[in-house]
Amino acid sequence: MKRFAITLSVLLSALFTAVNTTAAPLVDLTAAAEKSVNAVVYIKVTVQGKTQRYSVQDPFEDFFGGFFGRRAPQQREYREPDKQGAGSGVIISSDGYIVTNNHVVEGATDITVKLNDNREFTGKVIGTDPTTDLALVKVDGKDLPTLPIGDSDQLKIGQWVLAVGNPFNLTSTVTAGIVSAKARSLGANGIESFIQTDAAINAGNSGGALVNEQGELVGINAMLYSQTGSYAGYGFAIPTSIMNHVVEDLKAFGSVQRAVLGIRGGDVSTYIDNEKARGHEADFGTLTGVWIERVVEGGAAADAGLQRGDIIIMVDNRDIHKMSELQEVVARHRPGDKITVTYMRDRKTYTVRISLDSDQQGVRKV
């Protein structure tokens, strides 16, 4: 009996150990949250109301039939009231550079930046990029708290992230969720490859930080998807892979030096579903990639020999599944940079080296 009790005790101990070793570890996001709230700021903006002119005719002129002669209409002015707005921003350097969304500061005449410790600074717009909905703001400060910039490419679907910002003017708010999808395109901006998350994002979160478990900035919160205007399950952030290039150019030039490949097209799946493409479905040879609908005459892709109907499947050894991924890769480069493009034509694979053009027209997507 004693031996049986000892054996049972050993078995239960082994079982308890096995259960504990196979259980998923708990995720502790407290350190990441503490680091983030001090580097995420509250941005208040004032947009000066426009002045409009209008004409006022003398109402008695028609009554007297022009007896006293016609006089020119009186010119009057009406100034719209100033508009107030608010959003969030992320301090990326201790000397006061702050990343936010373009739509947060667009048209602002006055910008006030408030830190988590209640210090306030006057902000100055260094540059904006409506194509990616990013903006760079500067305040005069020293030794400001910052967030280290992480690699958004390393994010995986299902990984825990924090959304940090000021929703509904509730400063220093942190919400948690997972990465729901990557390279999501919504058609809102010229270039977009959003990180989708179910961490709650609401009005006021725009320009705030999407942070990984290590407390690194991996995205700038930009949008929410909702039919009511409030959080309904999904938010979207601009990855740091796009942000880094935009910030570098805004610092150096005040505007983004954007490169283009010189094509128009879309996801292969879109063209397979299209009625025109159904009859040629067998010619695609793949269900993922970017199908070239048109090659811009005289552009980089045309010079390299790409043609309508080619399917881009890889750039610089990175698999390309859809247009948003291609946009993200090209958006990291400047005009003159060279990229290696792998594409399919007639079910055969080719690789070519392409020197990217400058987006002088500002209208080409890729």
Foldseek 3Di string as FASTA:
>chain_A
DVVVVVVVVVVVVVVVVVVVVPDDDDFDQVVLLVLAQQFKKKKKFKAWFDKDKDWAADPCCVVVPCPVHGDGTDIDIDTDHIDMAMAMWGAADQQFKIKFFCVRCPRTPWMWIAGPVGDIFTKDWLAHDQQERMTIIGTGGGRGRHAAADELVPFDFFFKKWQFWQAPNNGGDIWIWTFHDWQDDDPPHLAAIWGKTQGFDAGRSGNTFIAGSVNHGFWGWHAADDPVRGHDGITITGGVLLVVQQVVCSVVPVGHQAWDQAFDWKWQQVLCPDPVCVVVNVQLLDRFFTATQQGHPPFQNVVFPDGHGKGWQDKQNHGHGIDNVVLSVRSNDHQQDKIWTWIDGSNDIDITITGTHTPPVPNDSD
